[in-house]
Amino acid sequence: MPEKIGFSPSLLNTHCLIDVRTPLEFEDDHIPTAVNIPLLTNQERVEIGTLYKLEGAHAARMRALECSCGRFADIVKDISSIAEGRPILVYCWRGGLRSLSVATLLELSGFKSCQLQGGYKTYRNHVIAYFENFNPAAPLVVIHGMTGIGKTSFINQLDQGNWSSVDLEGIAHHRGSAFGSVGIQQNFTQKCFETVLWDTFRRIPDDRPIVLEGESQRIGKFSLPGKFYDVMTNNSFKVWCHASLQTRVKRLVDEYGKDDYRQQIKEALDRIKKKLGGVSHAELLKLLESGDLEEFTTKMIAQYYDKLYYKHRNWVPDMELQLENFSEAEKTFTLSDVRQHFFR
């Protein structure tokens, strides 16, 4: 019988992870670095599940064997080619027959393999617990400021020898505003979002501060998990950033001013019509349709963004930073200020 082992993040570095669930289950979420080698197809799993309910476990297992036995040789070949000599760890939904069957098949074929005890469900519980007790490896530095200042760009260009940058909007595939989905899609699940976020923090070293952008509890359709938002809000070094209106307009036009985005911007504008008011909405729509993106953006900042975001800020920043020039800003954004804050 294959050895059963419990989940540990270190397994991602030492083992070849094989997910034998169906492609749909894998797409919903999976352990990072895992490769999907399904024992059953999506349709076969539905059929066998129905058979289990109607005729019981024996009939379901026999049907599963009929469906999968012709693929056994290919499954072993595919897994062995991926493993490249590493120990193989097989998992399914909760450490049941699917992963046991494949792990046993590998053992019988002469390959060292083991089965993840509790399967994907155990991993998922680990991720949930991680965020419920969120305690990052290093201090959090949270960058705040009005729309268009360039917070994300600044974070992503920081020297990673001094800082660890985490692009929450990049992970979520959303810019966190009414126009946040323009040009991108959140075509994955909340579970996937949490997995990528967990994996990002798993890889972060503990010897440098973690810099990320201040976000609300939700980024598009995704919610920040567990106590992540609370820690980001209440136990962080907060930086308030500034940039001129001219710079903000230019940066927003550079990001959103693509012809392919025009229809999506119009649709987003229509969704906030009530907040803008009929007159402002009509004026903005006319500017958008005329192609006057600089004036459109200038009025969006005045009539929407600056009225809505950070309207009430019940905290005092630990640092203020001018973001007209990112390179110059980084020179004044020093580690000593952050360390003094957390270790005073």
Protein backbone atom coordinates (compact mmCIF):
# COMPACT_ATOMS: atom_id res chain seq x y z
CA MET A 1 0.00 0.00 0.00
CA PRO A 2 1.27 3.52 -0.78
CA GLU A 3 2.33 5.65 2.17
CA LYS A 4 -0.14 8.32 3.29
CA ILE A 5 1.33 11.69 4.26
CA GLY A 6 -0.26 14.84 5.64
CA PHE A 7 -0.17 18.18 3.86
CA SER A 8 2.74 20.55 4.39
CA PRO A 9 3.71 23.53 2.21
CA SER A 10 7.21 22.10 1.92
CA LEU A 11 5.80 19.27 -0.22
CA LEU A 12 5.42 21.76 -3.08
CA ASN A 13 9.21 22.02 -3.22
CA THR A 14 10.11 18.37 -2.75
CA HIS A 15 7.44 16.31 -4.53
CA CYS A 16 5.78 16.01 -7.92
CA LEU A 17 2.11 16.68 -7.15
CA ILE A 18 -0.42 14.82 -9.28
CA ASP A 19 -4.08 15.83 -9.10
CA VAL A 20 -6.21 12.90 -10.33
CA ARG A 21 -9.53 14.71 -10.04
CA THR A 22 -11.52 15.68 -13.12
CA PRO A 23 -10.53 18.70 -15.24
CA LEU A 24 -13.50 20.66 -13.86
CA GLU A 25 -12.46 20.01 -10.27
CA PHE A 26 -8.89 21.00 -11.11
CA GLU A 27 -10.05 24.21 -12.80
CA ASP A 28 -12.13 25.14 -9.75
CA ASP A 29 -8.93 25.11 -7.67
CA HIS A 30 -5.87 22.97 -7.08
CA ILE A 31 -2.68 22.84 -5.07
CA PRO A 32 0.04 25.05 -6.62
CA THR A 33 2.55 23.18 -8.83
CA ALA A 34 0.12 20.24 -9.23
CA VAL A 35 -0.41 18.67 -12.65
CA ASN A 36 -3.82 17.30 -13.60
CA ILE A 37 -3.77 13.66 -14.72
CA PRO A 38 -7.45 12.74 -14.29
CA LEU A 39 -8.49 9.20 -13.54
CA LEU A 40 -12.03 9.93 -14.78
CA THR A 41 -13.47 12.45 -17.21
CA ASN A 42 -16.00 15.06 -16.10
CA GLN A 43 -18.85 13.06 -17.63
CA GLU A 44 -17.68 9.75 -16.13
CA ARG A 45 -17.56 11.23 -12.63
CA VAL A 46 -21.17 12.42 -12.95
CA GLU A 47 -22.26 9.03 -14.26
CA ILE A 48 -20.49 7.12 -11.48
CA GLY A 49 -21.82 9.46 -8.81
CA THR A 50 -25.36 8.87 -10.05
CA LEU A 51 -24.76 5.11 -10.15
CA TYR A 52 -23.46 5.19 -6.58
CA LYS A 53 -26.68 6.82 -5.39
CA LEU A 54 -28.93 4.45 -7.33
CA GLU A 55 -27.15 1.10 -7.05
CA GLY A 56 -24.49 1.46 -4.37
CA ALA A 57 -20.72 1.45 -4.00
CA HIS A 58 -19.95 -1.90 -5.71
CA ALA A 59 -21.72 -0.98 -8.95
CA ALA A 60 -20.08 2.46 -8.97
CA ARG A 61 -16.59 1.01 -8.45
CA MET A 62 -17.01 -1.56 -11.18
CA ARG A 63 -18.15 1.15 -13.61
CA ALA A 64 -15.18 3.33 -12.62
CA LEU A 65 -12.85 0.42 -13.35
CA GLU A 66 -14.47 -0.11 -16.75
CA CYS A 67 -14.05 3.58 -17.60
CA SER A 68 -10.45 3.97 -16.47
CA CYS A 69 -8.61 0.65 -16.87
CA GLY A 70 -7.85 1.24 -20.54
CA ARG A 71 -5.97 4.43 -19.59
CA PHE A 72 -3.75 2.92 -16.87
CA ALA A 73 -0.62 2.58 -19.00
CA ASP A 74 -0.91 6.15 -20.32
CA ILE A 75 -1.50 7.51 -16.82
CA VAL A 76 1.68 5.86 -15.53
CA LYS A 77 3.70 7.06 -18.55
CA ASP A 78 2.44 10.62 -18.25
CA ILE A 79 3.12 10.82 -14.50
CA SER A 80 6.58 9.26 -14.73
CA SER A 81 7.61 11.69 -17.48
CA ILE A 82 6.46 14.65 -15.39
CA ALA A 83 8.04 13.41 -12.15
CA GLU A 84 11.58 13.26 -13.58
CA GLY A 85 12.83 11.22 -10.62
CA ARG A 86 11.07 13.21 -7.89
CA PRO A 87 8.90 11.40 -5.33
CA ILE A 88 5.29 11.42 -6.52
CA LEU A 89 2.43 12.67 -4.35
CA VAL A 90 -1.06 11.81 -5.62
CA TYR A 91 -4.24 13.47 -4.40
CA CYS A 92 -7.96 13.57 -5.15
CA TRP A 93 -10.85 15.35 -3.42
CA ARG A 94 -10.42 13.89 0.07
CA GLY A 95 -7.83 11.15 -0.15
CA GLY A 96 -10.18 8.44 -1.33
CA LEU A 97 -10.21 5.71 -3.94
CA ARG A 98 -9.15 7.81 -6.93
CA SER A 99 -5.80 8.85 -5.47
CA LEU A 100 -5.32 5.46 -3.77
CA SER A 101 -5.90 3.69 -7.09
CA VAL A 102 -3.37 5.80 -9.00
CA ALA A 103 -0.77 5.72 -6.21
CA THR A 104 -1.11 1.92 -6.02
CA LEU A 105 -0.84 1.66 -9.80
CA LEU A 106 2.39 3.67 -9.71
CA GLU A 107 3.82 1.53 -6.90
CA LEU A 108 2.99 -1.66 -8.81
CA SER A 109 4.74 -0.15 -11.85
CA GLY A 110 7.92 0.45 -9.87
CA PHE A 111 7.59 4.18 -9.10
CA LYS A 112 7.89 5.59 -5.59
CA SER A 113 4.61 7.31 -4.78
CA CYS A 114 2.49 8.35 -1.82
CA GLN A 115 -1.08 9.52 -1.25
CA LEU A 116 -2.04 12.87 0.27
CA GLN A 117 -4.04 12.14 3.40
CA GLY A 118 -7.32 14.00 3.27
CA GLY A 119 -6.67 15.06 -0.33
CA TYR A 120 -7.39 18.53 -1.71
CA LYS A 121 -9.80 19.13 1.18
CA THR A 122 -6.91 19.04 3.66
CA TYR A 123 -4.97 21.56 1.58
CA ARG A 124 -8.00 23.80 1.32
CA ASN A 125 -8.47 23.73 5.10
CA HIS A 126 -4.82 24.74 5.45
CA VAL A 127 -5.36 27.81 3.23
CA ILE A 128 -8.51 28.82 5.12
CA ALA A 129 -6.71 28.51 8.47
CA TYR A 130 -3.73 30.49 7.15
CA PHE A 131 -5.88 33.52 6.37
CA GLU A 132 -8.07 33.16 9.45
CA ASN A 133 -4.88 33.48 11.51
CA PHE A 134 -3.10 35.76 9.05
CA ASN A 135 0.36 36.63 10.34
CA PRO A 136 2.66 37.60 7.45
CA ALA A 137 6.33 36.69 7.58
CA ALA A 138 7.39 40.35 7.44
CA PRO A 139 5.84 43.78 8.17
CA LEU A 140 3.16 45.07 5.77
CA VAL A 141 3.66 48.43 4.08
CA VAL A 142 0.38 49.60 2.52
CA ILE A 143 0.40 52.19 -0.27
CA HIS A 144 -2.63 54.48 -0.37
CA GLY A 145 -3.60 57.37 -2.63
CA MET A 146 -6.19 58.64 -5.08
CA THR A 147 -6.95 56.92 -8.37
CA GLY A 148 -4.37 57.40 -11.11
CA ILE A 149 -1.45 58.22 -8.84
CA GLY A 150 0.39 55.09 -9.99
CA LYS A 151 0.40 53.00 -6.82
CA THR A 152 0.52 49.62 -8.55
CA SER A 153 3.23 50.67 -11.00
CA PHE A 154 5.32 52.06 -8.15
CA ILE A 155 4.96 48.87 -6.09
CA ASN A 156 5.91 46.63 -9.01
CA GLN A 157 9.08 48.56 -9.86
CA LEU A 158 10.51 48.54 -6.34
CA ASP A 159 13.91 46.91 -5.79
CA GLN A 160 13.09 43.37 -4.68
CA GLY A 161 16.37 43.19 -2.82
CA ASN A 162 14.89 45.63 -0.29
CA TRP A 163 11.15 44.96 -0.54
CA SER A 164 8.71 42.18 -1.41
CA SER A 165 6.05 43.55 -3.77
CA VAL A 166 2.58 41.99 -3.77
CA ASP A 167 0.27 43.11 -6.58
CA LEU A 168 -3.18 42.35 -5.14
CA GLU A 169 -4.94 43.75 -8.20
CA GLY A 170 -2.74 41.67 -10.49
CA ILE A 171 -3.57 38.53 -8.49
CA ALA A 172 -7.28 39.36 -8.57
CA HIS A 173 -7.24 40.39 -12.27
CA HIS A 174 -9.13 43.56 -11.34
CA ARG A 175 -8.07 47.15 -10.65
CA GLY A 176 -10.47 47.55 -7.74
CA SER A 177 -12.68 50.32 -9.16
CA ALA A 178 -15.82 50.73 -11.25
CA PHE A 179 -13.61 50.47 -14.34
CA GLY A 180 -11.42 47.78 -12.83
CA SER A 181 -12.44 45.01 -15.19
CA VAL A 182 -11.70 46.94 -18.40
CA GLY A 183 -9.38 44.86 -20.55
CA ILE A 184 -9.13 41.98 -18.06
CA GLN A 185 -11.38 39.22 -16.73
CA GLN A 186 -11.85 37.50 -13.38
CA ASN A 187 -12.58 34.17 -15.04
CA PHE A 188 -11.55 31.98 -12.12
CA THR A 189 -12.92 31.18 -8.67
CA GLN A 190 -12.62 32.71 -5.21
CA LYS A 191 -10.77 29.54 -4.20
CA CYS A 192 -8.24 30.08 -7.01
CA PHE A 193 -7.75 33.67 -5.92
CA GLU A 194 -7.03 32.55 -2.37
CA THR A 195 -4.65 29.85 -3.58
CA VAL A 196 -2.58 32.32 -5.63
CA LEU A 197 -2.56 34.78 -2.73
CA TRP A 198 -1.50 32.03 -0.29
CA ASP A 199 1.21 30.82 -2.67
CA THR A 200 2.49 34.38 -3.10
CA PHE A 201 2.87 34.85 0.65
CA ARG A 202 4.30 31.33 1.02
CA ARG A 203 7.21 32.36 -1.18
CA ILE A 204 7.91 35.71 0.48
CA PRO A 205 11.18 35.92 2.48
CA ASP A 206 11.00 37.15 6.07
CA ASP A 207 13.90 39.60 5.85
CA ARG A 208 12.25 42.51 4.03
CA PRO A 209 8.93 44.41 4.30
CA ILE A 210 5.97 43.42 2.13
CA VAL A 211 4.61 46.30 0.04
CA LEU A 212 1.05 46.19 -1.31
CA GLU A 213 -1.69 48.57 -2.33
CA GLY A 214 -4.48 49.56 0.01
CA GLU A 215 -7.68 47.85 -1.13
CA SER A 216 -11.22 47.52 0.10
CA GLN A 217 -12.52 44.19 1.40
CA ARG A 218 -13.49 43.29 -2.17
CA ILE A 219 -11.49 43.48 -5.39
CA GLY A 220 -14.04 43.03 -8.14
CA LYS A 221 -15.95 39.83 -7.38
CA PHE A 222 -13.32 38.50 -4.97
CA SER A 223 -13.12 39.06 -1.22
CA LEU A 224 -9.89 39.29 0.70
CA PRO A 225 -9.92 36.11 2.81
CA GLY A 226 -9.98 35.68 6.57
CA LYS A 227 -8.27 38.44 8.55
CA PHE A 228 -6.20 39.70 5.62
CA TYR A 229 -8.08 43.00 5.35
CA ASP A 230 -8.02 43.56 9.13
CA VAL A 231 -4.25 43.07 9.31
CA MET A 232 -3.69 45.25 6.25
CA THR A 233 -5.85 47.98 7.83
CA ASN A 234 -4.84 47.82 11.47
CA ASN A 235 -1.33 46.39 11.63
CA SER A 236 0.61 48.02 8.83
CA PHE A 237 2.84 50.95 7.91
CA LYS A 238 0.58 53.28 5.91
CA VAL A 239 1.92 55.48 3.13
CA TRP A 240 -0.20 58.26 1.61
CA CYS A 241 0.88 59.13 -1.94
CA HIS A 242 0.50 62.31 -3.98
CA ALA A 243 0.73 63.21 -7.66
CA SER A 244 -0.49 66.17 -9.70
CA LEU A 245 -3.77 66.05 -11.57
CA GLN A 246 -1.88 66.26 -14.87
CA THR A 247 0.19 63.19 -13.97
CA ARG A 248 -2.85 61.25 -12.80
CA VAL A 249 -4.73 61.99 -16.03
CA LYS A 250 -1.76 60.93 -18.15
CA ARG A 251 -1.30 57.67 -16.27
CA LEU A 252 -4.98 56.77 -16.50
CA VAL A 253 -5.15 57.62 -20.22
CA ASP A 254 -2.03 55.52 -20.83
CA GLU A 255 -3.66 52.58 -19.03
CA TYR A 256 -7.24 52.82 -20.27
CA GLY A 257 -6.98 54.80 -23.50
CA LYS A 258 -6.98 51.88 -25.92
CA ASP A 259 -9.55 51.80 -28.70
CA ASP A 260 -10.42 48.20 -27.80
CA TYR A 261 -11.45 49.35 -24.31
CA ARG A 262 -13.91 52.03 -25.42
CA GLN A 263 -17.05 49.86 -25.31
CA GLN A 264 -16.16 48.37 -21.92
CA ILE A 265 -15.58 51.86 -20.51
CA LYS A 266 -18.99 52.92 -21.81
CA GLU A 267 -20.62 49.91 -20.13
CA ALA A 268 -18.85 50.69 -16.87
CA LEU A 269 -19.93 54.32 -17.15
CA ASP A 270 -23.53 53.20 -17.59
CA ARG A 271 -23.30 51.07 -14.43
CA ILE A 272 -22.44 54.13 -12.31
CA LYS A 273 -24.96 56.45 -14.00
CA LYS A 274 -27.02 56.75 -10.81
CA LYS A 275 -23.99 57.80 -8.75
CA LEU A 276 -22.91 60.32 -11.36
CA GLY A 277 -26.34 61.78 -12.00
CA GLY A 278 -27.97 62.08 -15.41
CA VAL A 279 -26.34 65.36 -16.43
CA SER A 280 -22.79 64.31 -15.52
CA HIS A 281 -23.28 60.90 -17.11
CA ALA A 282 -24.43 62.46 -20.38
CA GLU A 283 -21.52 64.91 -20.40
CA LEU A 284 -18.97 62.15 -19.74
CA LEU A 285 -20.51 59.87 -22.35
CA LYS A 286 -20.26 62.63 -24.96
CA LEU A 287 -16.58 63.17 -24.16
CA LEU A 288 -15.91 59.43 -24.35
CA GLU A 289 -17.65 59.05 -27.69
CA SER A 290 -15.79 62.06 -29.10
CA GLY A 291 -12.46 60.50 -28.13
CA ASP A 292 -11.45 63.35 -25.82
CA LEU A 293 -9.98 60.97 -23.23
CA GLU A 294 -7.95 63.59 -21.36
CA GLU A 295 -11.00 65.74 -20.65
CA PHE A 296 -13.10 62.64 -19.95
CA THR A 297 -10.53 61.41 -17.43
CA THR A 298 -10.13 64.84 -15.82
CA LYS A 299 -13.88 65.07 -15.22
CA MET A 300 -14.06 61.44 -14.02
CA ILE A 301 -11.46 62.25 -11.39
CA ALA A 302 -13.34 65.35 -10.23
CA GLN A 303 -16.90 64.04 -10.46
CA TYR A 304 -16.44 60.43 -9.43
CA TYR A 305 -13.10 59.12 -8.17
CA ASP A 306 -12.12 61.92 -5.80
CA LYS A 307 -15.65 62.15 -4.43
CA LEU A 308 -15.97 58.43 -3.78
CA TYR A 309 -12.58 57.05 -2.80
CA TYR A 310 -10.97 57.94 0.52
CA LYS A 311 -13.84 60.30 1.25
CA HIS A 312 -13.51 59.35 4.91
CA ARG A 313 -10.03 58.43 6.12
CA ASN A 314 -9.99 57.77 9.87
CA TRP A 315 -6.25 57.22 10.10
CA VAL A 316 -3.08 59.27 9.90
CA PRO A 317 -0.38 58.09 7.46
CA ASP A 318 2.99 57.02 8.80
CA MET A 319 4.63 58.54 5.71
CA GLU A 320 3.68 60.78 2.80
CA LEU A 321 5.25 60.15 -0.58
CA GLN A 322 5.38 62.14 -3.81
CA LEU A 323 4.88 59.83 -6.82
CA GLU A 324 5.51 62.25 -9.68
CA ASN A 325 8.68 60.28 -10.42
CA PHE A 326 8.91 56.68 -9.26
CA SER A 327 12.71 56.54 -9.12
CA GLU A 328 12.91 59.70 -7.04
CA ALA A 329 10.09 58.44 -4.80
CA GLU A 330 11.96 55.21 -4.08
CA LYS A 331 14.96 57.18 -2.85
CA THR A 332 12.85 58.71 -0.06
CA PHE A 333 10.96 55.46 0.62
CA THR A 334 13.43 53.96 3.08
CA LEU A 335 13.58 50.76 5.08
CA SER A 336 14.66 52.62 8.21
CA ASP A 337 11.28 54.39 8.51
CA VAL A 338 9.40 51.10 8.33
CA ARG A 339 11.67 49.32 10.78
CA GLN A 340 11.48 52.20 13.22
CA HIS A 341 7.68 52.02 13.07
CA PHE A 342 7.48 48.29 13.86
CA PHE A 343 10.35 48.02 16.32
CA ARG A 344 10.07 51.24 18.28
